[in-house]
Amino acid sequence: QVSLVESGGGLVQAGGSLTLSCAADGRTFSRSAMAWFRQPPGRERQFVGGISYSDGRTTYADSVKGRFVIARDSAKNTVYLIMNNLKPEDTAVYYCAARPGVPAMGVPTTGYDYWGQGTPVAVSS
């Protein structure tokens, strides 16, 4: 059983910052690309950004580039989503996802196998 547990969601004012965490079990984390997705109210789930398991390279959706940063701490089996300059349109449920078996430097935007339960983020204007 693969375990991904998100935390850190909440309510923040526009322009503020929030950091989400995703704790994974060691078997999942060490050989998996990790990613964050979000699902705004009434809309489909969308890719936010991801990070490779080997060298920490990242990729981001255009809507969050320059504002969000993804980082991983291998010692803690945790991936973070650091969100700055938040906007009301960032309001969504945020999900952590893992995809094992990808190339070491790969950061896929689809095809993730394992998902957390989600953590809500609300940005007020």
PDB file of N, CA and C in Angstrom:
ATOM      1  N   GLN A   1       0.843  -1.187   0.000  1.00  0.00           N
ATOM      2  CA  GLN A   1       0.000   0.000   0.000  1.00  0.00           C
ATOM      3  C   GLN A   1       0.882   1.243   0.000  1.00  0.00           C
ATOM      4  N   VAL A   2       0.655   2.109  -0.969  1.00  0.00           N
ATOM      5  CA  VAL A   2       1.442   3.339  -1.074  1.00  0.00           C
ATOM      6  C   VAL A   2       0.734   4.431  -0.308  1.00  0.00           C
ATOM      7  N   SER A   3       1.475   5.166   0.467  1.00  0.00           N
ATOM      8  CA  SER A   3       0.906   6.222   1.297  1.00  0.00           C
ATOM      9  C   SER A   3       1.469   7.584   0.933  1.00  0.00           C
ATOM     10  N   LEU A   4       0.582   8.518   0.633  1.00  0.00           N
ATOM     11  CA  LEU A   4       0.939   9.913   0.417  1.00  0.00           C
ATOM     12  C   LEU A   4       0.009  10.741   1.287  1.00  0.00           C
ATOM     13  N   VAL A   5       0.570  11.564   2.142  1.00  0.00           N
ATOM     14  CA  VAL A   5      -0.247  12.345   3.059  1.00  0.00           C
ATOM     15  C   VAL A   5       0.132  13.815   2.951  1.00  0.00           C
ATOM     16  N   GLU A   6      -0.834  14.621   2.474  1.00  0.00           N
ATOM     17  CA  GLU A   6      -0.609  16.050   2.332  1.00  0.00           C
ATOM     18  C   GLU A   6      -0.993  16.782   3.609  1.00  0.00           C
ATOM     19  N   SER A   7      -0.375  17.947   3.791  1.00  0.00           N
ATOM     20  CA  SER A   7      -0.749  18.824   4.896  1.00  0.00           C
ATOM     21  C   SER A   7      -0.360  20.242   4.530  1.00  0.00           C
ATOM     22  N   GLY A   8      -0.898  21.201   5.281  1.00  0.00           N
ATOM     23  CA  GLY A   8      -0.494  22.584   5.110  1.00  0.00           C
ATOM     24  C   GLY A   8      -1.490  23.485   4.423  1.00  0.00           C
ATOM     25  N   GLY A   9      -2.610  22.931   3.969  1.00  0.00           N
ATOM     26  CA  GLY A   9      -3.595  23.769   3.315  1.00  0.00           C
ATOM     27  C   GLY A   9      -4.277  24.711   4.292  1.00  0.00           C
ATOM     28  N   GLY A  10      -5.009  25.689   3.737  1.00  0.00           N
ATOM     29  CA  GLY A  10      -5.707  26.623   4.599  1.00  0.00           C
ATOM     30  C   GLY A  10      -6.188  27.827   3.828  1.00  0.00           C
ATOM     31  N   LEU A  11      -6.563  28.852   4.567  1.00  0.00           N
ATOM     32  CA  LEU A  11      -7.072  30.092   4.007  1.00  0.00           C
ATOM     33  C   LEU A  11      -5.981  31.151   4.091  1.00  0.00           C
ATOM     34  N   VAL A  12      -5.770  31.859   2.990  1.00  0.00           N
ATOM     35  CA  VAL A  12      -4.749  32.899   2.951  1.00  0.00           C
ATOM     36  C   VAL A  12      -5.252  34.056   2.094  1.00  0.00           C
ATOM     37  N   GLN A  13      -4.781  35.227   2.377  1.00  0.00           N
ATOM     38  CA  GLN A  13      -5.164  36.392   1.577  1.00  0.00           C
ATOM     39  C   GLN A  13      -4.345  36.452   0.288  1.00  0.00           C
ATOM     40  N   ALA A  14      -4.905  37.072  -0.700  1.00  0.00           N
ATOM     41  CA  ALA A  14      -4.183  37.252  -1.964  1.00  0.00           C
ATOM     42  C   ALA A  14      -2.860  37.966  -1.695  1.00  0.00           C
ATOM     43  N   GLY A  15      -1.825  37.486  -2.372  1.00  0.00           N
ATOM     44  CA  GLY A  15      -0.493  38.032  -2.161  1.00  0.00           C
ATOM     45  C   GLY A  15       0.297  37.309  -1.085  1.00  0.00           C
ATOM     46  N   GLY A  16      -0.364  36.460  -0.338  1.00  0.00           N
ATOM     47  CA  GLY A  16       0.291  35.735   0.737  1.00  0.00           C
ATOM     48  C   GLY A  16       0.979  34.474   0.254  1.00  0.00           C
ATOM     49  N   SER A  17       1.525  33.742   1.212  1.00  0.00           N
ATOM     50  CA  SER A  17       2.283  32.524   0.914  1.00  0.00           C
ATOM     51  C   SER A  17       1.783  31.362   1.755  1.00  0.00           C
ATOM     52  N   LEU A  18       2.000  30.170   1.234  1.00  0.00           N
ATOM     53  CA  LEU A  18       1.609  28.952   1.931  1.00  0.00           C
ATOM     54  C   LEU A  18       2.517  27.840   1.453  1.00  0.00           C
ATOM     55  N   THR A  19       2.872  26.934   2.344  1.00  0.00           N
ATOM     56  CA  THR A  19       3.685  25.793   1.963  1.00  0.00           C
ATOM     57  C   THR A  19       2.939  24.506   2.270  1.00  0.00           C
ATOM     58  N   LEU A  20       2.788  23.673   1.255  1.00  0.00           N
ATOM     59  CA  LEU A  20       2.173  22.356   1.414  1.00  0.00           C
ATOM     60  C   LEU A  20       3.266  21.301   1.530  1.00  0.00           C
ATOM     61  N   SER A  21       2.977  20.272   2.293  1.00  0.00           N
ATOM     62  CA  SER A  21       3.906  19.157   2.454  1.00  0.00           C
ATOM     63  C   SER A  21       3.219  17.859   2.059  1.00  0.00           C
ATOM     64  N   CYS A  22       4.015  16.926   1.559  1.00  0.00           N
ATOM     65  CA  CYS A  22       3.511  15.607   1.208  1.00  0.00           C
ATOM     66  C   CYS A  22       4.508  14.576   1.714  1.00  0.00           C
ATOM     67  N   ALA A  23       4.084  13.800   2.678  1.00  0.00           N
ATOM     68  CA  ALA A  23       4.941  12.757   3.234  1.00  0.00           C
ATOM     69  C   ALA A  23       4.640  11.434   2.545  1.00  0.00           C
ATOM     70  N   ALA A  24       5.683  10.771   2.059  1.00  0.00           N
ATOM     71  CA  ALA A  24       5.522   9.508   1.338  1.00  0.00           C
ATOM     72  C   ALA A  24       6.306   8.402   2.037  1.00  0.00           C
ATOM     73  N   ASP A  25       5.888   7.177   1.816  1.00  0.00           N
ATOM     74  CA  ASP A  25       6.693   6.094   2.357  1.00  0.00           C
ATOM     75  C   ASP A  25       7.965   5.960   1.529  1.00  0.00           C
ATOM     76  N   GLY A  26       9.003   5.410   2.122  1.00  0.00           N
ATOM     77  CA  GLY A  26      10.325   5.408   1.517  1.00  0.00           C
ATOM     78  C   GLY A  26      10.394   4.689   0.183  1.00  0.00           C
ATOM     79  N   ARG A  27       9.671   3.578   0.062  1.00  0.00           N
ATOM     80  CA  ARG A  27       9.730   2.810  -1.179  1.00  0.00           C
ATOM     81  C   ARG A  27       9.181   3.619  -2.330  1.00  0.00           C
ATOM     82  N   THR A  28       8.135   4.383  -2.053  1.00  0.00           N
ATOM     83  CA  THR A  28       7.531   5.197  -3.109  1.00  0.00           C
ATOM     84  C   THR A  28       8.439   6.343  -3.488  1.00  0.00           C
ATOM     85  N   PHE A  29       8.973   6.991  -2.500  1.00  0.00           N
ATOM     86  CA  PHE A  29       9.634   8.266  -2.715  1.00  0.00           C
ATOM     87  C   PHE A  29      10.951   8.131  -3.453  1.00  0.00           C
ATOM     88  N   SER A  30      11.735   7.131  -3.125  1.00  0.00           N
ATOM     89  CA  SER A  30      13.126   7.099  -3.589  1.00  0.00           C
ATOM     90  C   SER A  30      13.265   6.909  -5.093  1.00  0.00           C
ATOM     91  N   ARG A  31      12.286   6.302  -5.733  1.00  0.00           N
ATOM     92  CA  ARG A  31      12.403   6.050  -7.177  1.00  0.00           C
ATOM     93  C   ARG A  31      11.204   6.585  -7.946  1.00  0.00           C
ATOM     94  N   SER A  32      10.602   7.629  -7.426  1.00  0.00           N
ATOM     95  CA  SER A  32       9.405   8.173  -8.065  1.00  0.00           C
ATOM     96  C   SER A  32       9.567   9.639  -8.406  1.00  0.00           C
ATOM     97  N   ALA A  33       9.068  10.001  -9.588  1.00  0.00           N
ATOM     98  CA  ALA A  33       8.822  11.412  -9.830  1.00  0.00           C
ATOM     99  C   ALA A  33       7.636  11.806  -8.954  1.00  0.00           C
ATOM    100  N   MET A  34       7.710  12.998  -8.397  1.00  0.00           N
ATOM    101  CA  MET A  34       6.636  13.486  -7.530  1.00  0.00           C
ATOM    102  C   MET A  34       6.042  14.739  -8.164  1.00  0.00           C
ATOM    103  N   ALA A  35       4.767  14.934  -7.942  1.00  0.00           N
ATOM    104  CA  ALA A  35       4.107  16.082  -8.552  1.00  0.00           C
ATOM    105  C   ALA A  35       2.988  16.593  -7.656  1.00  0.00           C
ATOM    106  N   TRP A  36       2.593  17.816  -7.944  1.00  0.00           N
ATOM    107  CA  TRP A  36       1.415  18.417  -7.324  1.00  0.00           C
ATOM    108  C   TRP A  36       0.409  18.725  -8.426  1.00  0.00           C
ATOM    109  N   PHE A  37      -0.828  18.403  -8.132  1.00  0.00           N
ATOM    110  CA  PHE A  37      -1.956  18.739  -8.985  1.00  0.00           C
ATOM    111  C   PHE A  37      -2.941  19.539  -8.143  1.00  0.00           C
ATOM    112  N   ARG A  38      -3.874  20.177  -8.830  1.00  0.00           N
ATOM    113  CA  ARG A  38      -4.933  20.871  -8.099  1.00  0.00           C
ATOM    114  C   ARG A  38      -6.237  20.765  -8.857  1.00  0.00           C
ATOM    115  N   GLN A  39      -7.320  20.840  -8.105  1.00  0.00           N
ATOM    116  CA  GLN A  39      -8.647  20.817  -8.708  1.00  0.00           C
ATOM    117  C   GLN A  39      -9.446  21.989  -8.178  1.00  0.00           C
ATOM    118  N   PRO A  40      -9.586  23.039  -8.998  1.00  0.00           N
ATOM    119  CA  PRO A  40     -10.398  24.185  -8.586  1.00  0.00           C
ATOM    120  C   PRO A  40     -11.876  23.791  -8.532  1.00  0.00           C
ATOM    121  N   PRO A  41     -12.690  24.534  -7.815  1.00  0.00           N
ATOM    122  CA  PRO A  41     -14.119  24.203  -7.718  1.00  0.00           C
ATOM    123  C   PRO A  41     -14.766  24.142  -9.095  1.00  0.00           C
ATOM    124  N   GLY A  42     -15.434  23.044  -9.369  1.00  0.00           N
ATOM    125  CA  GLY A  42     -16.161  22.897 -10.619  1.00  0.00           C
ATOM    126  C   GLY A  42     -15.303  22.650 -11.847  1.00  0.00           C
ATOM    127  N   ARG A  43     -14.029  22.402 -11.642  1.00  0.00           N
ATOM    128  CA  ARG A  43     -13.138  22.208 -12.784  1.00  0.00           C
ATOM    129  C   ARG A  43     -12.371  20.899 -12.661  1.00  0.00           C
ATOM    130  N   GLU A  44     -11.711  20.515 -13.736  1.00  0.00           N
ATOM    131  CA  GLU A  44     -10.957  19.274 -13.734  1.00  0.00           C
ATOM    132  C   GLU A  44      -9.613  19.454 -13.021  1.00  0.00           C
ATOM    133  N   ARG A  45      -9.069  18.329 -12.617  1.00  0.00           N
ATOM    134  CA  ARG A  45      -7.762  18.342 -11.986  1.00  0.00           C
ATOM    135  C   ARG A  45      -6.709  18.777 -12.985  1.00  0.00           C
ATOM    136  N   GLN A  46      -5.752  19.569 -12.555  1.00  0.00           N
ATOM    137  CA  GLN A  46      -4.736  20.110 -13.453  1.00  0.00           C
ATOM    138  C   GLN A  46      -3.348  19.980 -12.822  1.00  0.00           C
ATOM    139  N   PHE A  47      -2.352  19.786 -13.673  1.00  0.00           N
ATOM    140  CA  PHE A  47      -0.963  19.673 -13.241  1.00  0.00           C
ATOM    141  C   PHE A  47      -0.459  21.037 -12.780  1.00  0.00           C
ATOM    142  N   VAL A  48       0.201  21.059 -11.622  1.00  0.00           N
ATOM    143  CA  VAL A  48       0.797  22.281 -11.093  1.00  0.00           C
ATOM    144  C   VAL A  48       2.302  22.278 -11.318  1.00  0.00           C
ATOM    145  N   GLY A  49       2.945  21.186 -10.939  1.00  0.00           N
ATOM    146  CA  GLY A  49       4.389  21.085 -11.100  1.00  0.00           C
ATOM    147  C   GLY A  49       4.879  19.748 -10.611  1.00  0.00           C
ATOM    148  N   GLY A  50       6.109  19.405 -11.007  1.00  0.00           N
ATOM    149  CA  GLY A  50       6.668  18.130 -10.617  1.00  0.00           C
ATOM    150  C   GLY A  50       8.173  18.210 -10.443  1.00  0.00           C
ATOM    151  N   ILE A  51       8.730  17.144  -9.848  1.00  0.00           N
ATOM    152  CA  ILE A  51      10.164  17.102  -9.573  1.00  0.00           C
ATOM    153  C   ILE A  51      10.666  15.687  -9.787  1.00  0.00           C
ATOM    154  N   SER A  52      11.846  15.586 -10.388  1.00  0.00           N
ATOM    155  CA  SER A  52      12.437  14.266 -10.631  1.00  0.00           C
ATOM    156  C   SER A  52      12.989  13.690  -9.343  1.00  0.00           C
ATOM    157  N   TYR A  53      13.278  12.372  -9.368  1.00  0.00           N
ATOM    158  CA  TYR A  53      13.812  11.782  -8.139  1.00  0.00           C
ATOM    159  C   TYR A  53      15.328  11.797  -8.083  1.00  0.00           C
ATOM    160  N   SER A  54      15.993  12.083  -9.220  1.00  0.00           N
ATOM    161  CA  SER A  54      17.443  11.954  -9.214  1.00  0.00           C
ATOM    162  C   SER A  54      18.165  13.267  -8.926  1.00  0.00           C
ATOM    163  N   ASP A  55      17.866  14.286  -9.741  1.00  0.00           N
ATOM    164  CA  ASP A  55      18.654  15.515  -9.628  1.00  0.00           C
ATOM    165  C   ASP A  55      17.806  16.723  -9.255  1.00  0.00           C
ATOM    166  N   GLY A  56      16.545  16.477  -8.932  1.00  0.00           N
ATOM    167  CA  GLY A  56      15.710  17.575  -8.467  1.00  0.00           C
ATOM    168  C   GLY A  56      15.264  18.542  -9.538  1.00  0.00           C
ATOM    169  N   ARG A  57      15.383  18.135 -10.819  1.00  0.00           N
ATOM    170  CA  ARG A  57      14.887  19.066 -11.829  1.00  0.00           C
ATOM    171  C   ARG A  57      13.378  19.162 -11.723  1.00  0.00           C
ATOM    172  N   THR A  58      12.875  20.350 -12.085  1.00  0.00           N
ATOM    173  CA  THR A  58      11.456  20.631 -11.902  1.00  0.00           C
ATOM    174  C   THR A  58      10.831  21.147 -13.183  1.00  0.00           C
ATOM    175  N   THR A  59       9.530  21.034 -13.249  1.00  0.00           N
ATOM    176  CA  THR A  59       8.760  21.644 -14.317  1.00  0.00           C
ATOM    177  C   THR A  59       7.461  22.165 -13.713  1.00  0.00           C
ATOM    178  N   TYR A  60       6.939  23.251 -14.280  1.00  0.00           N
ATOM    179  CA  TYR A  60       5.776  23.911 -13.716  1.00  0.00           C
ATOM    180  C   TYR A  60       4.773  24.272 -14.801  1.00  0.00           C
ATOM    181  N   ALA A  61       3.525  24.337 -14.390  1.00  0.00           N
ATOM    182  CA  ALA A  61       2.504  24.891 -15.273  1.00  0.00           C
ATOM    183  C   ALA A  61       2.766  26.386 -15.440  1.00  0.00           C
ATOM    184  N   ASP A  62       2.400  26.904 -16.605  1.00  0.00           N
ATOM    185  CA  ASP A  62       2.636  28.326 -16.875  1.00  0.00           C
ATOM    186  C   ASP A  62       1.949  29.224 -15.855  1.00  0.00           C
ATOM    187  N   SER A  63       0.810  28.797 -15.359  1.00  0.00           N
ATOM    188  CA  SER A  63       0.025  29.627 -14.447  1.00  0.00           C
ATOM    189  C   SER A  63       0.705  29.847 -13.096  1.00  0.00           C
ATOM    190  N   VAL A  64       1.679  29.003 -12.755  1.00  0.00           N
ATOM    191  CA  VAL A  64       2.322  29.140 -11.450  1.00  0.00           C
ATOM    192  C   VAL A  64       3.810  29.428 -11.552  1.00  0.00           C
ATOM    193  N   LYS A  65       4.328  29.434 -12.762  1.00  0.00           N
ATOM    194  CA  LYS A  65       5.767  29.660 -12.949  1.00  0.00           C
ATOM    195  C   LYS A  65       6.175  30.997 -12.351  1.00  0.00           C
ATOM    196  N   GLY A  66       7.279  30.985 -11.608  1.00  0.00           N
ATOM    197  CA  GLY A  66       7.758  32.211 -10.977  1.00  0.00           C
ATOM    198  C   GLY A  66       7.123  32.493  -9.632  1.00  0.00           C
ATOM    199  N   ARG A  67       6.061  31.756  -9.283  1.00  0.00           N
ATOM    200  CA  ARG A  67       5.406  31.955  -7.982  1.00  0.00           C
ATOM    201  C   ARG A  67       5.496  30.719  -7.095  1.00  0.00           C
ATOM    202  N   PHE A  68       5.456  29.545  -7.688  1.00  0.00           N
ATOM    203  CA  PHE A  68       5.482  28.292  -6.923  1.00  0.00           C
ATOM    204  C   PHE A  68       6.829  27.612  -7.096  1.00  0.00           C
ATOM    205  N   VAL A  69       7.262  26.935  -6.050  1.00  0.00           N
ATOM    206  CA  VAL A  69       8.501  26.159  -6.089  1.00  0.00           C
ATOM    207  C   VAL A  69       8.242  24.787  -5.481  1.00  0.00           C
ATOM    208  N   ILE A  70       8.756  23.750  -6.141  1.00  0.00           N
ATOM    209  CA  ILE A  70       8.659  22.385  -5.617  1.00  0.00           C
ATOM    210  C   ILE A  70      10.041  21.943  -5.180  1.00  0.00           C
ATOM    211  N   ALA A  71      10.099  21.345  -4.003  1.00  0.00           N
ATOM    212  CA  ALA A  71      11.368  20.843  -3.482  1.00  0.00           C
ATOM    213  C   ALA A  71      11.116  19.499  -2.815  1.00  0.00           C
ATOM    214  N   ARG A  72      12.158  18.678  -2.743  1.00  0.00           N
ATOM    215  CA  ARG A  72      12.019  17.391  -2.066  1.00  0.00           C
ATOM    216  C   ARG A  72      13.159  17.192  -1.083  1.00  0.00           C
ATOM    217  N   ASP A  73      12.826  16.564   0.031  1.00  0.00           N
ATOM    218  CA  ASP A  73      13.802  16.260   1.075  1.00  0.00           C
ATOM    219  C   ASP A  73      13.853  14.737   1.188  1.00  0.00           C
ATOM    220  N   SER A  74      14.893  14.142   0.635  1.00  0.00           N
ATOM    221  CA  SER A  74      14.981  12.683   0.611  1.00  0.00           C
ATOM    222  C   SER A  74      15.139  12.091   2.003  1.00  0.00           C
ATOM    223  N   ALA A  75      15.768  12.823   2.887  1.00  0.00           N
ATOM    224  CA  ALA A  75      15.952  12.310   4.253  1.00  0.00           C
ATOM    225  C   ALA A  75      14.619  12.184   4.980  1.00  0.00           C
ATOM    226  N   LYS A  76      13.664  13.033   4.612  1.00  0.00           N
ATOM    227  CA  LYS A  76      12.351  13.020   5.269  1.00  0.00           C
ATOM    228  C   LYS A  76      11.276  12.394   4.404  1.00  0.00           C
ATOM    229  N   ASN A  77      11.646  11.944   3.204  1.00  0.00           N
ATOM    230  CA  ASN A  77      10.656  11.378   2.276  1.00  0.00           C
ATOM    231  C   ASN A  77       9.485  12.331   2.078  1.00  0.00           C
ATOM    232  N   THR A  78       9.805  13.587   1.887  1.00  0.00           N
ATOM    233  CA  THR A  78       8.777  14.624   1.815  1.00  0.00           C
ATOM    234  C   THR A  78       9.028  15.529   0.615  1.00  0.00           C
ATOM    235  N   VAL A  79       7.934  15.886  -0.050  1.00  0.00           N
ATOM    236  CA  VAL A  79       7.994  16.866  -1.126  1.00  0.00           C
ATOM    237  C   VAL A  79       7.155  18.068  -0.712  1.00  0.00           C
ATOM    238  N   TYR A  80       7.615  19.241  -1.090  1.00  0.00           N
ATOM    239  CA  TYR A  80       6.967  20.480  -0.682  1.00  0.00           C
ATOM    240  C   TYR A  80       6.483  21.260  -1.904  1.00  0.00           C
ATOM    241  N   LEU A  81       5.426  22.010  -1.708  1.00  0.00           N
ATOM    242  CA  LEU A  81       4.967  22.987  -2.693  1.00  0.00           C
ATOM    243  C   LEU A  81       4.945  24.325  -1.971  1.00  0.00           C
ATOM    244  N   ILE A  82       5.880  25.170  -2.349  1.00  0.00           N
ATOM    245  CA  ILE A  82       6.006  26.492  -1.736  1.00  0.00           C
ATOM    246  C   ILE A  82       5.303  27.473  -2.662  1.00  0.00           C
ATOM    247  N   MET A  83       4.235  28.074  -2.152  1.00  0.00           N
ATOM    248  CA  MET A  83       3.381  28.925  -2.981  1.00  0.00           C
ATOM    249  C   MET A  83       3.503  30.368  -2.511  1.00  0.00           C
ATOM    250  N   ASN A  84       3.937  31.226  -3.409  1.00  0.00           N
ATOM    251  CA  ASN A  84       4.096  32.646  -3.116  1.00  0.00           C
ATOM    252  C   ASN A  84       3.181  33.475  -4.002  1.00  0.00           C
ATOM    253  N   ASN A  85       2.933  34.695  -3.561  1.00  0.00           N
ATOM    254  CA  ASN A  85       2.087  35.618  -4.329  1.00  0.00           C
ATOM    255  C   ASN A  85       0.798  34.929  -4.783  1.00  0.00           C
ATOM    256  N   LEU A  86       0.117  34.351  -3.848  1.00  0.00           N
ATOM    257  CA  LEU A  86      -1.099  33.599  -4.169  1.00  0.00           C
ATOM    258  C   LEU A  86      -2.200  34.498  -4.696  1.00  0.00           C
ATOM    259  N   LYS A  87      -2.992  33.944  -5.618  1.00  0.00           N
ATOM    260  CA  LYS A  87      -4.084  34.655  -6.246  1.00  0.00           C
ATOM    261  C   LYS A  87      -5.390  33.903  -5.980  1.00  0.00           C
ATOM    262  N   PRO A  88      -6.514  34.592  -6.041  1.00  0.00           N
ATOM    263  CA  PRO A  88      -7.791  33.897  -5.836  1.00  0.00           C
ATOM    264  C   PRO A  88      -7.971  32.699  -6.773  1.00  0.00           C
ATOM    265  N   GLU A  89      -7.439  32.780  -7.980  1.00  0.00           N
ATOM    266  CA  GLU A  89      -7.573  31.670  -8.927  1.00  0.00           C
ATOM    267  C   GLU A  89      -6.729  30.461  -8.557  1.00  0.00           C
ATOM    268  N   ASP A  90      -5.887  30.583  -7.534  1.00  0.00           N
ATOM    269  CA  ASP A  90      -5.151  29.423  -7.025  1.00  0.00           C
ATOM    270  C   ASP A  90      -5.995  28.588  -6.060  1.00  0.00           C
ATOM    271  N   THR A  91      -7.191  29.064  -5.734  1.00  0.00           N
ATOM    272  CA  THR A  91      -8.080  28.323  -4.848  1.00  0.00           C
ATOM    273  C   THR A  91      -8.415  26.961  -5.453  1.00  0.00           C
ATOM    274  N   ALA A  92      -8.153  25.896  -4.691  1.00  0.00           N
ATOM    275  CA  ALA A  92      -8.353  24.538  -5.203  1.00  0.00           C
ATOM    276  C   ALA A  92      -8.042  23.543  -4.089  1.00  0.00           C
ATOM    277  N   VAL A  93      -8.384  22.299  -4.350  1.00  0.00           N
ATOM    278  CA  VAL A  93      -7.864  21.205  -3.541  1.00  0.00           C
ATOM    279  C   VAL A  93      -6.566  20.748  -4.192  1.00  0.00           C
ATOM    280  N   TYR A  94      -5.510  20.691  -3.421  1.00  0.00           N
ATOM    281  CA  TYR A  94      -4.191  20.339  -3.936  1.00  0.00           C
ATOM    282  C   TYR A  94      -3.862  18.895  -3.578  1.00  0.00           C
ATOM    283  N   TYR A  95      -3.374  18.168  -4.573  1.00  0.00           N
ATOM    284  CA  TYR A  95      -3.060  16.758  -4.415  1.00  0.00           C
ATOM    285  C   TYR A  95      -1.585  16.493  -4.720  1.00  0.00           C
ATOM    286  N   CYS A  96      -1.011  15.642  -3.930  1.00  0.00           N
ATOM    287  CA  CYS A  96       0.328  15.137  -4.178  1.00  0.00           C
ATOM    288  C   CYS A  96       0.196  13.815  -4.941  1.00  0.00           C
ATOM    289  N   ALA A  97       1.137  13.563  -5.847  1.00  0.00           N
ATOM    290  CA  ALA A  97       1.080  12.332  -6.634  1.00  0.00           C
ATOM    291  C   ALA A  97       2.481  11.781  -6.849  1.00  0.00           C
ATOM    292  N   ALA A  98       2.556  10.483  -7.036  1.00  0.00           N
ATOM    293  CA  ALA A  98       3.831   9.810  -7.259  1.00  0.00           C
ATOM    294  C   ALA A  98       3.739   8.919  -8.480  1.00  0.00           C
ATOM    295  N   ARG A  99       4.830   8.862  -9.224  1.00  0.00           N
ATOM    296  CA  ARG A  99       4.888   7.984 -10.384  1.00  0.00           C
ATOM    297  C   ARG A  99       6.239   7.271 -10.377  1.00  0.00           C
ATOM    298  N   PRO A 100       6.236   6.029  -9.912  1.00  0.00           N
ATOM    299  CA  PRO A 100       7.478   5.261  -9.942  1.00  0.00           C
ATOM    300  C   PRO A 100       7.770   4.744 -11.350  1.00  0.00           C
ATOM    301  N   GLY A 101       9.021   4.331 -11.542  1.00  0.00           N
ATOM    302  CA  GLY A 101       9.381   3.672 -12.790  1.00  0.00           C
ATOM    303  C   GLY A 101       9.656   4.595 -13.950  1.00  0.00           C
ATOM    304  N   VAL A 102       9.783   5.891 -13.698  1.00  0.00           N
ATOM    305  CA  VAL A 102      10.116   6.813 -14.787  1.00  0.00           C
ATOM    306  C   VAL A 102      11.632   6.982 -14.842  1.00  0.00           C
ATOM    307  N   PRO A 103      12.158   7.499 -15.962  1.00  0.00           N
ATOM    308  CA  PRO A 103      13.598   7.779 -16.007  1.00  0.00           C
ATOM    309  C   PRO A 103      14.019   8.700 -14.873  1.00  0.00           C
ATOM    310  N   ALA A 104      15.282   8.560 -14.473  1.00  0.00           N
ATOM    311  CA  ALA A 104      15.768   9.245 -13.278  1.00  0.00           C
ATOM    312  C   ALA A 104      15.557  10.757 -13.315  1.00  0.00           C
ATOM    313  N   MET A 105      15.685  11.351 -14.497  1.00  0.00           N
ATOM    314  CA  MET A 105      15.556  12.800 -14.589  1.00  0.00           C
ATOM    315  C   MET A 105      14.215  13.218 -15.181  1.00  0.00           C
ATOM    316  N   GLY A 106      13.295  12.267 -15.269  1.00  0.00           N
ATOM    317  CA  GLY A 106      12.012  12.570 -15.869  1.00  0.00           C
ATOM    318  C   GLY A 106      11.054  13.276 -14.931  1.00  0.00           C
ATOM    319  N   VAL A 107      10.275  14.187 -15.499  1.00  0.00           N
ATOM    320  CA  VAL A 107       9.231  14.868 -14.740  1.00  0.00           C
ATOM    321  C   VAL A 107       7.972  14.840 -15.594  1.00  0.00           C
ATOM    322  N   PRO A 108       7.258  13.739 -15.565  1.00  0.00           N
ATOM    323  CA  PRO A 108       6.046  13.668 -16.382  1.00  0.00           C
ATOM    324  C   PRO A 108       4.949  14.570 -15.852  1.00  0.00           C
ATOM    325  N   THR A 109       4.055  14.961 -16.745  1.00  0.00           N
ATOM    326  CA  THR A 109       2.925  15.794 -16.343  1.00  0.00           C
ATOM    327  C   THR A 109       1.629  14.992 -16.257  1.00  0.00           C
ATOM    328  N   THR A 110       1.684  13.735 -16.665  1.00  0.00           N
ATOM    329  CA  THR A 110       0.506  12.864 -16.610  1.00  0.00           C
ATOM    330  C   THR A 110       0.929  11.461 -16.178  1.00  0.00           C
ATOM    331  N   GLY A 111      -0.048  10.595 -15.990  1.00  0.00           N
ATOM    332  CA  GLY A 111       0.230   9.187 -15.755  1.00  0.00           C
ATOM    333  C   GLY A 111       0.666   8.839 -14.346  1.00  0.00           C
ATOM    334  N   TYR A 112       0.313   9.660 -13.377  1.00  0.00           N
ATOM    335  CA  TYR A 112       0.693   9.386 -11.999  1.00  0.00           C
ATOM    336  C   TYR A 112      -0.165   8.270 -11.422  1.00  0.00           C
ATOM    337  N   ASP A 113       0.511   7.410 -10.652  1.00  0.00           N
ATOM    338  CA  ASP A 113      -0.146   6.192 -10.184  1.00  0.00           C
ATOM    339  C   ASP A 113      -0.750   6.311  -8.791  1.00  0.00           C
ATOM    340  N   TYR A 114      -0.132   7.104  -7.947  1.00  0.00           N
ATOM    341  CA  TYR A 114      -0.543   7.154  -6.544  1.00  0.00           C
ATOM    342  C   TYR A 114      -0.863   8.590  -6.153  1.00  0.00           C
ATOM    343  N   TRP A 115      -1.905   8.715  -5.333  1.00  0.00           N
ATOM    344  CA  TRP A 115      -2.417  10.032  -4.991  1.00  0.00           C
ATOM    345  C   TRP A 115      -2.669  10.148  -3.494  1.00  0.00           C
ATOM    346  N   GLY A 116      -2.456  11.382  -2.991  1.00  0.00           N
ATOM    347  CA  GLY A 116      -2.853  11.671  -1.634  1.00  0.00           C
ATOM    348  C   GLY A 116      -4.332  12.011  -1.557  1.00  0.00           C
ATOM    349  N   GLN A 117      -4.780  12.343  -0.367  1.00  0.00           N
ATOM    350  CA  GLN A 117      -6.199  12.604  -0.151  1.00  0.00           C
ATOM    351  C   GLN A 117      -6.588  14.028  -0.488  1.00  0.00           C
ATOM    352  N   GLY A 118      -5.605  14.903  -0.659  1.00  0.00           N
ATOM    353  CA  GLY A 118      -5.872  16.285  -0.998  1.00  0.00           C
ATOM    354  C   GLY A 118      -5.924  17.188   0.216  1.00  0.00           C
ATOM    355  N   THR A 119      -5.509  18.433   0.005  1.00  0.00           N
ATOM    356  CA  THR A 119      -5.596  19.444   1.059  1.00  0.00           C
ATOM    357  C   THR A 119      -6.123  20.730   0.422  1.00  0.00           C
ATOM    358  N   PRO A 120      -7.122  21.368   1.020  1.00  0.00           N
ATOM    359  CA  PRO A 120      -7.737  22.541   0.394  1.00  0.00           C
ATOM    360  C   PRO A 120      -6.948  23.818   0.658  1.00  0.00           C
ATOM    361  N   VAL A 121      -6.903  24.638  -0.379  1.00  0.00           N
ATOM    362  CA  VAL A 121      -6.297  25.968  -0.287  1.00  0.00           C
ATOM    363  C   VAL A 121      -7.330  26.969  -0.781  1.00  0.00           C
ATOM    364  N   ALA A 122      -7.585  27.982   0.010  1.00  0.00           N
ATOM    365  CA  ALA A 122      -8.522  29.033  -0.367  1.00  0.00           C
ATOM    366  C   ALA A 122      -7.809  30.371  -0.272  1.00  0.00           C
ATOM    367  N   VAL A 123      -7.878  31.136  -1.349  1.00  0.00           N
ATOM    368  CA  VAL A 123      -7.220  32.441  -1.400  1.00  0.00           C
ATOM    369  C   VAL A 123      -8.292  33.508  -1.514  1.00  0.00           C
ATOM    370  N   SER A 124      -8.348  34.373  -0.555  1.00  0.00           N
ATOM    371  CA  SER A 124      -9.360  35.433  -0.556  1.00  0.00           C
ATOM    372  C   SER A 124      -8.793  36.700  -1.193  1.00  0.00           C
ATOM    373  N   SER A 125      -9.692  37.423  -1.845  1.00  0.00           N
ATOM    374  CA  SER A 125      -9.251  38.643  -2.534  1.00  0.00           C
ATOM    375  C   SER A 125      -9.300  39.843  -1.607  1.00  0.00           C
TER     376      SER A 125
END
